[in-house]
């Protein structure tokens, strides 16, 4: 399931090389943050950063010549590179590419991406994502992976030549691995890479990614952070006149609110004031593009913090996904899990959930739902663990399948007439009372008769809340049949000797 297992390499060798041990079952939730490439002291990373900027300067030059749709597509369009298995797909490694909409947007706003107003130390091409509606960490990563694809191929090739048996590797022609500025065209290049046989029966090469390029939460430069840290950005403004104008604009918006509250004989609310300040700053950013650069400058000046945050995020995510998964798997194997393909998809899914529940509650599996004492707080983390341990089955297990009415967590099937929906929920989820309506919609959209719900609770209070919701819905008789309450608490599992 992991790169090290599939290709028979030692995980410690991967770690020493500087790469992470990716999952080859579903995407590993990491992304490349270009600020980490810029901040690095490695000469090859500095070169990479320069090459990224060079290509954007080329795009800027071409954008001034009046391009056809076809030319925009050739130079400005960046397709997904799924081969590094980084991203947020819970089923396989295929996600959504940036596409034509982004290509047109980049063409129209390339000057914004390159302008620094002599404020920042360097150009940061991820700045473009501050304007792009719907941008996120996966979109930024897709952009950068395309621009450094040749480097990732060389990086993987070097490891493969030293550590991977030749029976797992072959030479692949890699599309758009290099760019020739004389011919103004992308070139293919051949690399010796490890490969797997994908679901289509095709040979698919696999790319490694350096650990010091990636993180898991949010990129250093992101639109939400820009607004959230407006006070830091304002302090970073070296132009005194501009700083005074910005501060006065925001102060005026706050005064208007305070005067209005005074007329109503009400006290100003601190949370409302903070919201007004953020909204005022959001309006100013649209008017004063230099503010984007002062924001990026504030990040450049905190390079050490960016690096430390990324290292902590990566380590925490690795503990969640790899260490916890392997320990859960070892418990499952030790408890004699076996596969029975004669049962229906519903019964198979019930067996899997019940066994998963047994492992967590009775076999110390719950310990792997805590990282450094903190409970796994995202449903997708639990979904990944469940996906990883769905092993040795002939049933098809589609994660986050969307058949028109939203994404079901899992659809387990053995043909169209034999399928079942599985929905995971945290007891802490504020929308837990709507889960029964939710699965009914999924059943209709997928022509499935049945669904199973697994609810994970980490405190007694969460259990009581969950039980009340189930009882109020008149479904308490379905507990342990179609509704499974999974006790993940770490404060009530006493040893047998103390019972």
Protein backbone atom coordinates (compact mmCIF):
# COMPACT_ATOMS: atom_id res chain seq x y z
CA UNK A 1 0.00 0.00 0.00
CA UNK A 2 2.95 2.32 0.57
CA UNK A 3 5.81 3.12 -1.80
CA UNK A 4 8.32 1.31 0.42
CA UNK A 5 6.19 -1.86 0.48
CA UNK A 6 5.35 -1.91 -3.21
CA UNK A 7 8.93 -1.34 -4.36
CA UNK A 8 10.68 -3.27 -1.59
CA UNK A 9 12.73 -0.41 -0.16
CA UNK A 10 13.62 0.49 3.40
CA UNK A 11 11.62 3.43 4.72
CA UNK A 12 14.74 4.66 6.49
CA UNK A 13 16.49 4.91 3.11
CA UNK A 14 13.61 7.03 1.87
CA UNK A 15 13.86 9.23 4.94
CA UNK A 16 17.64 9.66 4.61
CA UNK A 17 17.17 10.55 0.96
CA UNK A 18 14.73 13.24 2.04
CA UNK A 19 11.55 11.81 0.50
CA UNK A 20 8.28 10.76 2.13
CA UNK A 21 6.80 7.28 1.87
CA UNK A 22 3.63 7.98 -0.11
CA UNK A 23 0.47 5.90 -0.16
CA UNK A 24 -0.30 4.16 -3.45
CA UNK A 25 -3.90 3.46 -2.43
CA UNK A 26 -5.17 7.03 -2.33
CA UNK A 27 -3.64 10.50 -2.33
CA UNK A 28 -1.43 11.46 0.59
CA UNK A 29 -2.77 14.79 1.94
CA UNK A 30 0.29 16.93 1.30
CA UNK A 31 1.03 19.67 -1.20
CA UNK A 32 4.11 21.51 -2.43
CA UNK A 33 4.44 25.01 -1.01
CA UNK A 34 6.57 27.24 -3.30
CA UNK A 35 7.56 29.43 -0.34
CA UNK A 36 9.54 26.45 1.02
CA UNK A 37 11.44 26.27 -2.26
CA UNK A 38 12.20 30.00 -2.07
CA UNK A 39 13.24 29.85 1.59
CA UNK A 40 15.56 26.87 1.13
CA UNK A 41 19.33 27.25 1.35
CA UNK A 42 19.80 24.40 -1.15
CA UNK A 43 21.34 25.63 -4.42
CA UNK A 44 19.15 23.33 -6.50
CA UNK A 45 16.02 24.83 -4.90
CA UNK A 46 17.24 28.35 -5.60
CA UNK A 47 17.71 27.29 -9.21
CA UNK A 48 14.20 25.82 -9.28
CA UNK A 49 12.73 29.06 -7.95
CA UNK A 50 14.58 31.06 -10.62
CA UNK A 51 13.35 28.71 -13.35
CA UNK A 52 9.75 29.08 -12.18
CA UNK A 53 10.04 32.88 -12.34
CA UNK A 54 11.75 32.68 -15.75
CA UNK A 55 8.81 30.75 -17.19
CA UNK A 56 6.35 33.29 -15.78
CA UNK A 57 8.35 36.11 -17.40
CA UNK A 58 8.05 34.21 -20.68
CA UNK A 59 4.28 34.01 -20.19
CA UNK A 60 4.16 37.75 -19.50
CA UNK A 61 6.03 38.47 -22.73
CA UNK A 62 3.70 36.26 -24.76
CA UNK A 63 0.57 37.72 -23.12
CA UNK A 64 1.42 41.10 -24.69
CA UNK A 65 1.42 39.74 -28.23
CA UNK A 66 -2.26 38.84 -28.51
CA UNK A 67 -2.65 35.09 -28.25
CA UNK A 68 -5.20 32.71 -29.68
CA UNK A 69 -7.13 30.30 -27.43
CA UNK A 70 -4.91 27.49 -28.67
CA UNK A 71 -1.72 29.37 -27.75
CA UNK A 72 -3.09 30.22 -24.31
CA UNK A 73 -3.89 26.55 -23.80
CA UNK A 74 -0.38 25.44 -24.83
CA UNK A 75 1.54 27.84 -22.57
CA UNK A 76 -0.83 28.77 -19.74
CA UNK A 77 -2.71 25.51 -19.13
CA UNK A 78 -1.36 23.16 -16.43
CA UNK A 79 -2.77 19.64 -16.30
CA UNK A 80 -2.69 17.58 -13.13
CA UNK A 81 0.41 15.47 -12.44
CA UNK A 82 -1.11 12.66 -10.33
CA UNK A 83 2.05 10.56 -10.31
CA UNK A 84 3.40 12.04 -7.07
CA UNK A 85 0.28 10.80 -5.20
CA UNK A 86 -0.08 14.06 -3.28
CA UNK A 87 -3.50 15.61 -2.94
CA UNK A 88 -6.93 15.07 -1.47
CA UNK A 89 -8.55 12.27 -3.44
CA UNK A 90 -9.73 9.43 -1.20
CA UNK A 91 -10.01 7.10 -4.18
CA UNK A 92 -6.89 6.68 -6.27
CA UNK A 93 -4.73 9.65 -7.24
CA UNK A 94 -6.79 11.50 -9.81
CA UNK A 95 -8.11 14.95 -8.93
CA UNK A 96 -9.12 18.08 -10.80
CA UNK A 97 -6.63 19.95 -12.97
CA UNK A 98 -6.40 23.74 -13.13
CA UNK A 99 -7.96 23.69 -16.61
CA UNK A 100 -8.90 26.25 -19.22
CA UNK A 101 -10.56 28.67 -16.81
CA UNK A 102 -7.33 29.07 -14.89
CA UNK A 103 -5.30 29.36 -18.12
CA UNK A 104 -7.42 32.34 -19.23
CA UNK A 105 -7.24 33.87 -15.74
CA UNK A 106 -3.44 33.54 -15.62
CA UNK A 107 -3.14 35.07 -19.09
CA UNK A 108 -5.22 38.07 -18.03
CA UNK A 109 -3.44 38.57 -14.68
CA UNK A 110 0.16 37.53 -15.34
CA UNK A 111 1.45 41.07 -14.72
CA UNK A 112 -0.05 40.99 -11.21
CA UNK A 113 1.82 37.75 -10.48
CA UNK A 114 5.18 39.28 -11.44
CA UNK A 115 4.86 42.77 -9.98
CA UNK A 116 6.58 43.33 -6.63
CA UNK A 117 6.40 47.16 -6.37
CA UNK A 118 10.00 46.87 -5.10
CA UNK A 119 8.60 45.61 -1.80
CA UNK A 120 9.36 41.87 -1.69
CA UNK A 121 12.76 40.23 -1.97
CA UNK A 122 11.66 38.21 -4.99
CA UNK A 123 8.79 37.39 -7.29
CA UNK A 124 6.45 34.75 -5.85
CA UNK A 125 4.27 33.23 -8.55
CA UNK A 126 1.83 31.82 -5.98
CA UNK A 127 0.73 35.43 -5.50
CA UNK A 128 -1.58 34.85 -8.48
CA UNK A 129 -3.68 32.54 -6.31
CA UNK A 130 -4.60 35.45 -4.03
CA UNK A 131 -6.82 36.68 -6.87
CA UNK A 132 -8.06 33.36 -8.23
CA UNK A 133 -11.53 32.45 -6.97
CA UNK A 134 -11.62 28.91 -5.63
CA UNK A 135 -7.86 28.67 -5.26
CA UNK A 136 -6.50 26.32 -2.63
CA UNK A 137 -3.49 24.33 -1.60
CA UNK A 138 -4.06 21.65 -4.24
CA UNK A 139 -4.29 24.27 -7.00
CA UNK A 140 -1.05 25.96 -5.95
CA UNK A 141 0.65 22.58 -5.75
CA UNK A 142 -0.61 21.55 -9.22
CA UNK A 143 0.90 24.72 -10.65
CA UNK A 144 4.31 24.19 -9.05
CA UNK A 145 4.47 20.43 -9.77
CA UNK A 146 4.00 21.21 -13.47
CA UNK A 147 6.82 23.74 -13.39
CA UNK A 148 9.30 21.45 -11.59
CA UNK A 149 8.24 18.13 -13.11
CA UNK A 150 11.64 17.55 -14.68
CA UNK A 151 13.34 18.03 -11.30
CA UNK A 152 10.97 15.55 -9.59
CA UNK A 153 11.70 13.01 -12.33
CA UNK A 154 15.47 13.38 -11.84
CA UNK A 155 15.02 13.22 -8.06
CA UNK A 156 13.06 9.97 -8.31
CA UNK A 157 15.36 8.52 -10.97
CA UNK A 158 18.41 8.97 -8.74
CA UNK A 159 16.71 7.14 -5.87
CA UNK A 160 15.42 4.38 -8.14
CA UNK A 161 18.83 3.69 -9.64
CA UNK A 162 20.35 3.22 -6.18
CA UNK A 163 17.62 1.57 -4.12
CA UNK A 164 14.91 -0.08 -6.28
CA UNK A 165 15.15 -3.45 -7.99
CA UNK A 166 15.25 -3.04 -11.76
CA UNK A 167 12.19 -5.29 -12.15
CA UNK A 168 10.07 -2.46 -10.72
CA UNK A 169 11.48 0.26 -13.00
CA UNK A 170 11.67 1.18 -16.66
CA UNK A 171 12.30 4.22 -18.84
CA UNK A 172 9.31 6.48 -19.48
CA UNK A 173 9.01 9.38 -21.94
CA UNK A 174 7.72 12.22 -19.74
CA UNK A 175 5.65 14.87 -21.44
CA UNK A 176 6.47 18.55 -20.74
CA UNK A 177 9.53 17.72 -18.65
CA UNK A 178 11.54 20.65 -20.05
CA UNK A 179 10.91 23.96 -21.79
CA UNK A 180 12.98 25.21 -24.74
CA UNK A 181 12.98 29.01 -24.79
CA UNK A 182 14.49 29.14 -28.28
CA UNK A 183 11.70 27.10 -29.86
CA UNK A 184 9.15 28.28 -27.25
CA UNK A 185 7.93 24.74 -26.79
CA UNK A 186 7.78 22.01 -24.17
CA UNK A 187 10.00 19.00 -24.63
CA UNK A 188 9.61 15.40 -23.53
CA UNK A 189 12.48 13.65 -21.82
CA UNK A 190 13.13 10.05 -20.83
CA UNK A 191 13.61 9.00 -17.20
CA UNK A 192 14.19 5.71 -15.41
CA UNK A 193 11.29 5.51 -12.93
CA UNK A 194 9.43 3.03 -10.70
CA UNK A 195 5.95 2.11 -11.90
CA UNK A 196 2.75 0.36 -10.90
CA UNK A 197 -0.06 -1.23 -12.88
CA UNK A 198 -3.06 1.03 -12.36
CA UNK A 199 -6.78 0.16 -12.31
CA UNK A 200 -6.92 0.39 -16.11
CA UNK A 201 -4.17 -2.20 -16.40
CA UNK A 202 -1.70 0.42 -17.63
CA UNK A 203 1.87 1.04 -16.52
CA UNK A 204 1.92 4.29 -14.51
CA UNK A 205 5.16 5.85 -13.30
CA UNK A 206 5.48 7.07 -9.71
CA UNK A 207 7.26 10.23 -8.52
CA UNK A 208 8.81 10.93 -5.13
CA UNK A 209 8.65 14.37 -3.55
CA UNK A 210 11.21 15.89 -1.17
CA UNK A 211 9.88 16.20 2.36
CA UNK A 212 11.23 19.74 2.80
CA UNK A 213 9.02 21.05 -0.04
CA UNK A 214 5.69 19.95 1.38
CA UNK A 215 3.19 20.77 4.08
CA UNK A 216 -0.36 19.69 4.93
CA UNK A 217 -2.37 22.60 6.31
CA UNK A 218 -2.30 25.80 4.25
CA UNK A 219 0.35 27.36 1.99
CA UNK A 220 2.36 30.22 3.47
CA UNK A 221 0.68 32.57 0.99
CA UNK A 222 -3.11 32.20 0.98
CA UNK A 223 -6.10 34.51 0.69
CA UNK A 224 -7.65 33.72 4.08
CA UNK A 225 -4.35 34.35 5.87
CA UNK A 226 -3.97 37.69 4.05
CA UNK A 227 -7.16 38.99 5.66
CA UNK A 228 -6.68 37.23 8.99
CA UNK A 229 -3.23 38.79 9.49
CA UNK A 230 -4.15 42.30 8.31
CA UNK A 231 -2.67 43.86 11.45
CA UNK A 232 0.72 42.25 10.71
CA UNK A 233 0.50 43.40 7.10
CA UNK A 234 -0.29 46.96 8.16
CA UNK A 235 2.75 47.01 10.43
CA UNK A 236 4.89 45.80 7.53
CA UNK A 237 3.98 48.85 5.38
CA UNK A 238 7.15 50.94 5.14
CA UNK A 239 5.46 53.79 3.24
CA UNK A 240 4.27 56.03 6.08
CA UNK A 241 1.63 57.82 3.98
CA UNK A 242 0.14 54.54 2.78
CA UNK A 243 0.21 53.05 6.28
CA UNK A 244 -1.59 56.11 7.66
CA UNK A 245 -4.20 55.94 4.90
CA UNK A 246 -4.89 52.24 5.50
CA UNK A 247 -5.10 52.60 9.29
CA UNK A 248 -7.36 55.63 9.02
CA UNK A 249 -9.69 53.88 6.56
CA UNK A 250 -10.13 50.94 8.91
CA UNK A 251 -10.44 53.15 12.01
CA UNK A 252 -13.15 55.19 10.27
CA UNK A 253 -15.19 52.04 9.56
CA UNK A 254 -14.92 51.05 13.24
CA UNK A 255 -15.89 54.57 14.43
CA UNK A 256 -19.01 54.50 12.28
CA UNK A 257 -20.06 51.25 13.92
CA UNK A 258 -19.29 52.53 17.43
CA UNK A 259 -21.29 55.73 16.82
CA UNK A 260 -24.20 53.69 15.50
CA UNK A 261 -24.11 51.50 18.62
CA UNK A 262 -23.99 54.62 20.78
CA UNK A 263 -27.14 55.96 19.10
CA UNK A 264 -28.82 52.63 19.79
CA UNK A 265 -27.54 52.78 23.38
CA UNK A 266 -25.72 49.50 22.91
CA UNK A 267 -22.14 48.53 23.73
CA UNK A 268 -19.80 47.77 20.82
CA UNK A 269 -19.11 44.10 20.31
CA UNK A 270 -15.43 43.12 20.08
CA UNK A 271 -16.09 40.33 17.59
CA UNK A 272 -18.08 42.68 15.36
CA UNK A 273 -15.25 45.22 15.46
CA UNK A 274 -12.75 42.58 14.34
CA UNK A 275 -15.07 41.59 11.50
CA UNK A 276 -15.45 45.22 10.41
CA UNK A 277 -11.66 45.65 10.42
CA UNK A 278 -11.21 42.58 8.24
CA UNK A 279 -13.92 43.64 5.79
CA UNK A 280 -12.45 47.14 5.52
CA UNK A 281 -9.01 45.69 4.83
CA UNK A 282 -10.51 43.34 2.23
CA UNK A 283 -11.93 46.39 0.41
CA UNK A 284 -8.57 48.17 0.58
CA UNK A 285 -6.66 45.24 -0.89
CA UNK A 286 -8.76 45.47 -4.05
CA UNK A 287 -7.94 49.17 -4.29
CA UNK A 288 -4.23 49.04 -3.33
CA UNK A 289 -2.32 46.15 -4.96
CA UNK A 290 0.82 47.00 -2.97
CA UNK A 291 -0.87 45.49 0.09
CA UNK A 292 -0.50 42.04 -1.47
CA UNK A 293 3.24 42.60 -1.63
CA UNK A 294 3.49 43.86 1.92
CA UNK A 295 1.68 40.69 2.96
CA UNK A 296 4.21 38.52 1.13
CA UNK A 297 7.04 40.60 2.58
CA UNK A 298 5.79 39.79 6.09
CA UNK A 299 6.03 36.08 5.20
CA UNK A 300 9.51 36.43 3.70
CA UNK A 301 10.65 38.00 6.97
CA UNK A 302 9.35 35.00 8.93
CA UNK A 303 11.05 32.27 6.92
CA UNK A 304 12.07 30.31 10.02
CA UNK A 305 8.46 30.16 11.23
CA UNK A 306 7.27 28.92 7.84
CA UNK A 307 9.90 26.17 7.88
CA UNK A 308 9.14 25.08 11.45
CA UNK A 309 5.39 25.04 10.81
CA UNK A 310 5.83 22.89 7.71
CA UNK A 311 8.08 20.40 9.53
CA UNK A 312 5.58 20.07 12.38
CA UNK A 313 2.65 19.63 9.97
CA UNK A 314 4.41 16.94 7.97
CA UNK A 315 5.46 14.98 11.04
CA UNK A 316 1.95 15.11 12.51
CA UNK A 317 0.35 14.01 9.25
CA UNK A 318 2.83 11.15 8.84
CA UNK A 319 1.97 9.92 12.35
CA UNK A 320 -1.71 10.01 11.46
CA UNK A 321 -1.46 8.27 8.14
CA UNK A 322 1.49 5.93 8.21
CA UNK A 323 2.38 5.02 11.76
CA UNK A 324 -1.24 4.78 12.91
CA UNK A 325 -2.27 2.88 9.79
CA UNK A 326 0.51 0.32 10.08
CA UNK A 327 -0.24 -0.30 13.74
CA UNK A 328 -3.95 -0.73 13.01
CA UNK A 329 -3.13 -3.12 10.17
CA UNK A 330 -0.87 -5.21 12.37
CA UNK A 331 -3.66 -5.50 14.96
CA UNK A 332 -6.15 -6.49 12.25
CA UNK A 333 -3.87 -9.16 10.80
CA UNK A 334 -3.08 -10.49 14.27
CA UNK A 335 -6.79 -10.87 14.96
CA UNK A 336 -7.26 -13.11 11.95
CA UNK A 337 -9.25 -11.01 9.51
CA UNK A 338 -10.38 -13.03 6.50
CA UNK A 339 -12.35 -12.20 3.37
CA UNK A 340 -15.66 -13.81 2.40
CA UNK A 341 -16.73 -12.84 -1.11
CA UNK A 342 -19.97 -14.83 -0.92
CA UNK A 343 -21.82 -12.20 1.13
CA UNK A 344 -23.64 -9.10 -0.15
CA UNK A 345 -21.94 -5.73 -0.29
CA UNK A 346 -24.03 -4.66 2.70
CA UNK A 347 -22.98 -7.62 4.82
CA UNK A 348 -19.36 -7.23 3.77
CA UNK A 349 -19.45 -3.53 4.69
CA UNK A 350 -21.09 -4.36 8.05
CA UNK A 351 -18.41 -6.95 8.78
CA UNK A 352 -15.69 -4.42 7.96
CA UNK A 353 -17.20 -1.74 10.19
CA UNK A 354 -17.81 -4.15 13.05
CA UNK A 355 -14.26 -5.43 12.82
CA UNK A 356 -12.94 -1.86 12.62
CA UNK A 357 -15.02 -1.04 15.72
CA UNK A 358 -13.69 -4.16 17.49
CA UNK A 359 -10.09 -3.22 16.70
CA UNK A 360 -10.54 0.35 17.95
CA UNK A 361 -12.52 -0.45 21.09
CA UNK A 362 -11.15 -3.82 22.20
CA UNK A 363 -7.66 -4.16 20.72
CA UNK A 364 -6.10 -0.79 21.64
CA UNK A 365 -6.71 0.50 18.14
CA UNK A 366 -8.08 3.71 19.67
CA UNK A 367 -4.51 4.67 20.59
CA UNK A 368 -3.80 5.19 16.91
CA UNK A 369 -6.57 7.80 16.70
CA UNK A 370 -4.49 10.16 18.84
CA UNK A 371 -1.38 12.00 17.72
CA UNK A 372 0.70 13.48 20.53
CA UNK A 373 -2.34 13.19 22.80
CA UNK A 374 -4.64 15.01 20.39
CA UNK A 375 -7.64 13.20 18.89
CA UNK A 376 -7.86 12.94 15.12
CA UNK A 377 -10.23 15.79 14.44
CA UNK A 378 -11.20 15.31 10.79
CA UNK A 379 -13.61 12.81 9.28
CA UNK A 380 -11.33 12.45 6.27
CA UNK A 381 -8.54 11.14 8.54
CA UNK A 382 -10.80 8.34 9.74
CA UNK A 383 -11.96 7.70 6.17
CA UNK A 384 -8.35 7.27 5.08
CA UNK A 385 -7.66 4.78 7.86
CA UNK A 386 -10.75 2.81 6.86
CA UNK A 387 -9.69 2.95 3.20
CA UNK A 388 -6.20 1.75 4.06
CA UNK A 389 -7.43 -1.25 6.02
CA UNK A 390 -9.96 -2.33 3.39
CA UNK A 391 -7.61 -5.03 2.27
CA UNK A 392 -7.83 -8.20 0.18
CA UNK A 393 -11.37 -7.79 -1.13
CA UNK A 394 -12.88 -8.25 -4.57
CA UNK A 395 -15.54 -5.64 -3.74
CA UNK A 396 -15.11 -2.24 -5.32
CA UNK A 397 -14.72 0.49 -2.68
CA UNK A 398 -15.23 3.98 -4.07
CA UNK A 399 -14.43 6.84 -1.71
CA UNK A 400 -16.19 10.19 -2.09
CA UNK A 401 -18.17 8.97 -5.09
CA UNK A 402 -20.41 11.72 -6.47
CA UNK A 403 -23.35 10.62 -8.58
CA UNK A 404 -25.09 13.97 -8.74
CA UNK A 405 -26.28 14.75 -5.21
CA UNK A 406 -23.04 15.14 -3.29
CA UNK A 407 -20.21 12.87 -2.22
CA UNK A 408 -20.91 9.69 -0.28
CA UNK A 409 -17.97 8.70 1.91
CA UNK A 410 -17.87 5.13 0.54
CA UNK A 411 -19.84 3.05 -1.93
CA UNK A 412 -19.12 -0.66 -1.59
CA UNK A 413 -20.23 -2.65 -4.62
CA UNK A 414 -19.99 -5.90 -6.50
CA UNK A 415 -21.95 -4.91 -9.58
CA UNK A 416 -24.75 -2.35 -9.96
CA UNK A 417 -27.34 -4.52 -8.19
CA UNK A 418 -25.15 -5.23 -5.17
CA UNK A 419 -23.99 -2.01 -3.55
CA UNK A 420 -24.15 -0.25 -0.21
CA UNK A 421 -23.33 3.24 1.03
CA UNK A 422 -21.15 3.83 4.09
CA UNK A 423 -21.15 7.26 5.72
CA UNK A 424 -18.65 8.33 8.38
CA UNK A 425 -19.43 11.07 10.88
CA UNK A 426 -17.71 12.58 13.88
CA UNK A 427 -20.07 12.95 16.81
CA UNK A 428 -18.78 16.51 17.12
CA UNK A 429 -20.04 17.37 13.62
CA UNK A 430 -22.67 20.11 13.91
CA UNK A 431 -24.63 18.56 11.02
CA UNK A 432 -24.90 15.14 12.63
CA UNK A 433 -28.73 15.41 13.05
CA UNK A 434 -29.04 15.62 9.23
CA UNK A 435 -27.08 12.44 8.51
CA UNK A 436 -30.20 10.30 7.99
CA UNK A 437 -31.60 12.68 5.37
CA UNK A 438 -28.14 12.85 3.81
CA UNK A 439 -27.77 9.10 3.29
CA UNK A 440 -31.32 8.88 1.92
CA UNK A 441 -30.32 11.33 -0.82
CA UNK A 442 -27.17 9.30 -1.55
CA UNK A 443 -29.23 6.10 -1.76
CA UNK A 444 -31.54 7.68 -4.32
CA UNK A 445 -28.69 9.14 -6.39
CA UNK A 446 -26.80 5.84 -6.47
CA UNK A 447 -29.82 3.54 -6.86
CA UNK A 448 -28.73 1.84 -3.64
CA UNK A 449 -31.24 0.28 -1.26
CA UNK A 450 -29.14 0.39 1.86
CA UNK A 451 -26.67 2.50 3.78
CA UNK A 452 -24.59 2.15 6.92
CA UNK A 453 -23.54 4.95 9.25
CA UNK A 454 -20.45 4.90 11.46
CA UNK A 455 -20.27 7.62 14.14
CA UNK A 456 -17.03 8.17 16.06
CA UNK A 457 -17.15 9.75 19.51
CA UNK A 458 -14.21 10.84 21.67
CA UNK A 459 -15.99 11.93 24.89
CA UNK A 460 -18.93 10.83 27.03
CA UNK A 461 -20.68 14.09 26.18
CA UNK A 462 -20.39 13.32 22.46
CA UNK A 463 -21.83 9.85 23.03
CA UNK A 464 -24.84 11.23 24.94
CA UNK A 465 -25.47 13.83 22.25
CA UNK A 466 -25.25 11.18 19.51
CA UNK A 467 -27.55 8.73 21.27
CA UNK A 468 -30.13 11.48 21.80
CA UNK A 469 -30.06 12.41 18.10
CA UNK A 470 -30.52 8.76 17.09
CA UNK A 471 -33.35 8.23 19.59
CA UNK A 472 -35.15 11.43 18.55
CA UNK A 473 -35.01 10.18 14.97
CA UNK A 474 -36.65 6.93 16.07
CA UNK A 475 -33.65 4.91 14.99
CA UNK A 476 -32.26 3.63 18.28
CA UNK A 477 -33.32 0.11 17.23
CA UNK A 478 -30.88 0.35 14.31
CA UNK A 479 -27.81 0.66 16.54
CA UNK A 480 -25.31 -2.11 15.73
CA UNK A 481 -27.32 -3.04 12.63
CA UNK A 482 -27.14 -0.02 10.33
CA UNK A 483 -25.81 2.58 12.77
CA UNK A 484 -22.49 1.89 14.47
CA UNK A 485 -21.29 3.96 17.41
CA UNK A 486 -17.52 3.67 17.71
CA UNK A 487 -15.98 4.50 21.06
CA UNK A 488 -12.66 6.28 20.49
CA UNK A 489 -12.22 7.54 24.06
CA UNK A 490 -8.81 7.15 25.67
CA UNK A 491 -10.01 7.71 29.25
CA UNK A 492 -12.22 4.63 29.72
CA UNK A 493 -10.11 1.73 28.40
CA UNK A 494 -8.79 0.14 31.58
CA UNK A 495 -6.52 -2.90 31.42
CA UNK A 496 -7.99 -6.38 32.03
CA UNK A 497 -5.97 -6.76 35.23
CA UNK A 498 -7.76 -3.75 36.70
CA UNK A 499 -11.30 -4.77 35.75
